[in-house]
Each structure stands twice: as C-alpha cells, then as structure tokens.
Amino acid sequence: MNKNIIQEIRELVSPTEREKARMAFEGYPNEDEIRRLRMTIESGIILAQQRLVSRAKKEGFTLIACPHGEVVEVNPNTIVF
C-alpha cells in the first residue's frame, strides 16, 4: 500500500476516533486488565531477580549490572530487596 495514502487516512481520522475504534475491538483489554497484566509482569520480574541473586549467593558468583550505561560487577550479598 502506498505510504502517502496511509498517511492521508491517518490525518482524516482524529487520534480520539482512532483510540475509540481500537478500544471497541472485541477482546481488547480494558484499563483494569492492563493494570493487572503489568503488575503480574512486574511481580514475575522481581521474583526472577530475587532467584538470580539467591542463586548467585549460594553458588558464589558475582552479578553484572549496567546502571546508567556503565557495566559494573556487583556482589550479590550487597543487594537488598
């Protein structure tokens, strides 16, 4: 499809109308479902991090982190959740 035609269609339909159409799509999650999904994902990430730190402590290896783009070696005994 021609990119110019797609751009013209987007310009004809306001962002509000596009959002209404997207939300009307059957099966699209509502705000509460999205919030629950995000919380579940975040909980899973935290659990994975805790298990990794626990394993590092048990097996005696260090972890690598990249705060602010700088690669650093981290002693797992210094990590607190």
N, C-alpha and C. Protein backbone atom coordinates (compact mmCIF):
# COMPACT_ATOMS: atom_id res chain seq x y z
N MET A 1 0.84 -1.17 0.00
CA MET A 1 0.00 0.00 0.00
C MET A 1 0.89 1.24 0.00
N ASN A 2 0.46 2.25 -0.64
CA ASN A 2 1.21 3.49 -0.76
C ASN A 2 1.25 4.21 0.59
N LYS A 3 2.44 4.59 1.04
CA LYS A 3 2.57 5.26 2.32
C LYS A 3 1.83 6.59 2.36
N ASN A 4 1.75 7.26 1.24
CA ASN A 4 1.03 8.54 1.21
C ASN A 4 -0.45 8.35 1.50
N ILE A 5 -1.02 7.28 0.99
CA ILE A 5 -2.45 7.01 1.22
C ILE A 5 -2.68 6.71 2.70
N ILE A 6 -1.80 5.92 3.29
CA ILE A 6 -1.93 5.59 4.72
C ILE A 6 -1.83 6.86 5.56
N GLN A 7 -0.89 7.71 5.23
CA GLN A 7 -0.73 8.97 5.97
C GLN A 7 -1.97 9.84 5.83
N GLU A 8 -2.53 9.90 4.62
CA GLU A 8 -3.74 10.70 4.40
C GLU A 8 -4.90 10.17 5.22
N ILE A 9 -5.03 8.85 5.30
CA ILE A 9 -6.11 8.25 6.09
C ILE A 9 -5.93 8.59 7.56
N ARG A 10 -4.70 8.50 8.05
CA ARG A 10 -4.43 8.84 9.45
C ARG A 10 -4.77 10.29 9.75
N GLU A 11 -4.51 11.16 8.82
CA GLU A 11 -4.81 12.57 9.03
C GLU A 11 -6.31 12.85 9.01
N LEU A 12 -7.07 12.03 8.29
CA LEU A 12 -8.52 12.22 8.23
C LEU A 12 -9.22 11.80 9.51
N VAL A 13 -8.65 10.84 10.21
CA VAL A 13 -9.26 10.32 11.44
C VAL A 13 -8.48 10.86 12.63
N SER A 14 -9.19 11.50 13.55
CA SER A 14 -8.54 12.11 14.71
C SER A 14 -7.98 11.02 15.63
N PRO A 15 -6.98 11.35 16.42
CA PRO A 15 -6.43 10.39 17.38
C PRO A 15 -7.49 9.85 18.34
N THR A 16 -8.44 10.70 18.72
CA THR A 16 -9.51 10.26 19.62
C THR A 16 -10.37 9.20 18.96
N GLU A 17 -10.71 9.41 17.70
CA GLU A 17 -11.52 8.43 16.97
C GLU A 17 -10.75 7.13 16.77
N ARG A 18 -9.47 7.23 16.50
CA ARG A 18 -8.66 6.01 16.34
C ARG A 18 -8.62 5.23 17.65
N GLU A 19 -8.48 5.94 18.77
CA GLU A 19 -8.46 5.28 20.08
C GLU A 19 -9.80 4.63 20.38
N LYS A 20 -10.90 5.29 20.06
CA LYS A 20 -12.23 4.71 20.27
C LYS A 20 -12.38 3.43 19.45
N ALA A 21 -11.93 3.46 18.21
CA ALA A 21 -12.03 2.28 17.34
C ALA A 21 -11.18 1.15 17.89
N ARG A 22 -10.00 1.47 18.37
CA ARG A 22 -9.11 0.45 18.92
C ARG A 22 -9.72 -0.18 20.18
N MET A 23 -10.30 0.67 21.03
CA MET A 23 -10.90 0.18 22.27
C MET A 23 -12.17 -0.63 22.01
N ALA A 24 -12.84 -0.36 20.90
CA ALA A 24 -14.07 -1.08 20.57
C ALA A 24 -13.77 -2.48 20.04
N PHE A 25 -12.53 -2.75 19.69
CA PHE A 25 -12.16 -4.05 19.17
C PHE A 25 -12.47 -5.12 20.21
N GLU A 26 -13.22 -6.14 19.79
CA GLU A 26 -13.64 -7.19 20.71
C GLU A 26 -12.43 -7.93 21.28
N GLY A 27 -12.40 -8.10 22.56
CA GLY A 27 -11.32 -8.80 23.21
C GLY A 27 -10.17 -7.91 23.64
N TYR A 28 -10.25 -6.63 23.33
CA TYR A 28 -9.18 -5.72 23.74
C TYR A 28 -9.28 -5.50 25.24
N PRO A 29 -8.17 -5.64 25.97
CA PRO A 29 -8.24 -5.50 27.43
C PRO A 29 -8.55 -4.07 27.86
N ASN A 30 -9.34 -3.95 28.92
CA ASN A 30 -9.64 -2.62 29.45
C ASN A 30 -8.51 -2.17 30.38
N GLU A 31 -8.64 -0.97 30.93
CA GLU A 31 -7.57 -0.40 31.76
C GLU A 31 -7.26 -1.25 32.99
N ASP A 32 -8.28 -1.81 33.63
CA ASP A 32 -8.05 -2.65 34.81
C ASP A 32 -7.28 -3.92 34.43
N GLU A 33 -7.64 -4.53 33.31
CA GLU A 33 -6.94 -5.74 32.86
C GLU A 33 -5.49 -5.42 32.51
N ILE A 34 -5.27 -4.29 31.87
CA ILE A 34 -3.91 -3.88 31.53
C ILE A 34 -3.10 -3.64 32.79
N ARG A 35 -3.69 -3.00 33.78
CA ARG A 35 -3.02 -2.74 35.06
C ARG A 35 -2.65 -4.06 35.74
N ARG A 36 -3.59 -5.03 35.76
CA ARG A 36 -3.31 -6.33 36.37
C ARG A 36 -2.19 -7.06 35.62
N LEU A 37 -2.22 -6.99 34.29
CA LEU A 37 -1.17 -7.64 33.50
C LEU A 37 0.20 -7.02 33.81
N ARG A 38 0.25 -5.71 33.89
CA ARG A 38 1.51 -5.04 34.22
C ARG A 38 2.02 -5.45 35.59
N MET A 39 1.12 -5.52 36.57
CA MET A 39 1.50 -5.91 37.92
C MET A 39 2.02 -7.35 37.94
N THR A 40 1.37 -8.23 37.18
CA THR A 40 1.81 -9.63 37.09
C THR A 40 3.19 -9.72 36.47
N ILE A 41 3.42 -8.97 35.40
CA ILE A 41 4.72 -8.97 34.75
C ILE A 41 5.79 -8.43 35.69
N GLU A 42 5.51 -7.32 36.36
CA GLU A 42 6.47 -6.74 37.30
C GLU A 42 6.77 -7.69 38.45
N SER A 43 5.75 -8.39 38.95
CA SER A 43 5.96 -9.36 40.03
C SER A 43 6.85 -10.50 39.55
N GLY A 44 6.64 -10.94 38.32
CA GLY A 44 7.47 -12.00 37.75
C GLY A 44 8.92 -11.58 37.59
N ILE A 45 9.13 -10.34 37.17
CA ILE A 45 10.49 -9.82 37.02
C ILE A 45 11.19 -9.76 38.38
N ILE A 46 10.48 -9.27 39.39
CA ILE A 46 11.06 -9.18 40.74
C ILE A 46 11.40 -10.56 41.27
N LEU A 47 10.51 -11.53 41.07
CA LEU A 47 10.76 -12.90 41.53
C LEU A 47 11.99 -13.48 40.82
N ALA A 48 12.11 -13.26 39.52
CA ALA A 48 13.27 -13.75 38.77
C ALA A 48 14.56 -13.11 39.28
N GLN A 49 14.51 -11.81 39.58
CA GLN A 49 15.70 -11.13 40.12
C GLN A 49 16.07 -11.69 41.48
N GLN A 50 15.09 -11.92 42.34
CA GLN A 50 15.35 -12.47 43.66
C GLN A 50 15.98 -13.85 43.57
N ARG A 51 15.46 -14.67 42.65
CA ARG A 51 16.01 -16.02 42.48
C ARG A 51 17.44 -15.98 41.95
N LEU A 52 17.71 -15.05 41.03
CA LEU A 52 19.06 -14.91 40.49
C LEU A 52 20.04 -14.49 41.58
N VAL A 53 19.66 -13.53 42.41
CA VAL A 53 20.52 -13.08 43.50
C VAL A 53 20.73 -14.22 44.49
N SER A 54 19.68 -14.93 44.82
CA SER A 54 19.79 -16.06 45.75
C SER A 54 20.74 -17.13 45.20
N ARG A 55 20.62 -17.42 43.93
CA ARG A 55 21.48 -18.42 43.30
C ARG A 55 22.94 -17.94 43.29
N ALA A 56 23.14 -16.66 43.01
CA ALA A 56 24.49 -16.10 42.99
C ALA A 56 25.13 -16.20 44.37
N LYS A 57 24.35 -15.92 45.42
CA LYS A 57 24.86 -16.02 46.79
C LYS A 57 25.22 -17.47 47.11
N LYS A 58 24.34 -18.39 46.74
CA LYS A 58 24.53 -19.80 47.04
C LYS A 58 25.73 -20.38 46.30
N GLU A 59 25.87 -20.02 45.01
CA GLU A 59 26.93 -20.61 44.19
C GLU A 59 28.20 -19.78 44.16
N GLY A 60 28.16 -18.59 44.78
CA GLY A 60 29.36 -17.79 44.93
C GLY A 60 29.84 -17.05 43.69
N PHE A 61 28.93 -16.63 42.85
CA PHE A 61 29.37 -15.83 41.71
C PHE A 61 28.82 -14.41 41.81
N THR A 62 29.45 -13.50 41.08
CA THR A 62 29.02 -12.10 41.10
C THR A 62 28.04 -11.86 39.97
N LEU A 63 27.37 -10.73 40.03
CA LEU A 63 26.39 -10.35 39.02
C LEU A 63 26.92 -9.14 38.26
N ILE A 64 26.45 -8.98 37.04
CA ILE A 64 26.81 -7.84 36.21
C ILE A 64 25.57 -6.97 36.06
N ALA A 65 25.75 -5.66 36.26
CA ALA A 65 24.64 -4.71 36.11
C ALA A 65 25.13 -3.55 35.24
N CYS A 66 24.19 -2.82 34.68
CA CYS A 66 24.52 -1.68 33.82
C CYS A 66 23.74 -0.43 34.24
N PRO A 67 23.98 0.09 35.45
CA PRO A 67 23.28 1.32 35.83
C PRO A 67 23.82 2.50 35.03
N HIS A 68 22.94 3.25 34.46
CA HIS A 68 23.30 4.45 33.69
C HIS A 68 24.27 4.15 32.55
N GLY A 69 24.18 2.93 31.99
CA GLY A 69 25.00 2.56 30.85
C GLY A 69 26.42 2.14 31.19
N GLU A 70 26.75 2.09 32.46
CA GLU A 70 28.09 1.70 32.89
C GLU A 70 28.05 0.26 33.39
N VAL A 71 28.89 -0.60 32.84
CA VAL A 71 28.92 -2.01 33.23
C VAL A 71 29.72 -2.15 34.52
N VAL A 72 29.08 -2.75 35.54
CA VAL A 72 29.74 -2.94 36.83
C VAL A 72 29.49 -4.35 37.34
N GLU A 73 30.44 -4.85 38.12
CA GLU A 73 30.31 -6.15 38.76
C GLU A 73 29.74 -5.92 40.15
N VAL A 74 28.73 -6.69 40.54
CA VAL A 74 28.04 -6.48 41.81
C VAL A 74 28.13 -7.74 42.66
N ASN A 75 28.49 -7.56 43.91
CA ASN A 75 28.49 -8.65 44.86
C ASN A 75 27.04 -8.91 45.26
N PRO A 76 26.52 -10.12 45.09
CA PRO A 76 25.11 -10.39 45.40
C PRO A 76 24.76 -10.18 46.88
N ASN A 77 25.75 -10.23 47.76
CA ASN A 77 25.49 -10.02 49.19
C ASN A 77 25.15 -8.57 49.51
N THR A 78 25.42 -7.66 48.58
CA THR A 78 25.10 -6.24 48.81
C THR A 78 23.72 -5.86 48.31
N ILE A 79 23.02 -6.79 47.67
CA ILE A 79 21.72 -6.49 47.08
C ILE A 79 20.62 -6.76 48.10
N VAL A 80 19.74 -5.78 48.28
CA VAL A 80 18.63 -5.90 49.23
C VAL A 80 17.33 -5.65 48.47
N PHE A 81 16.36 -6.50 48.69
CA PHE A 81 15.05 -6.33 48.04
C PHE A 81 14.07 -5.76 49.03
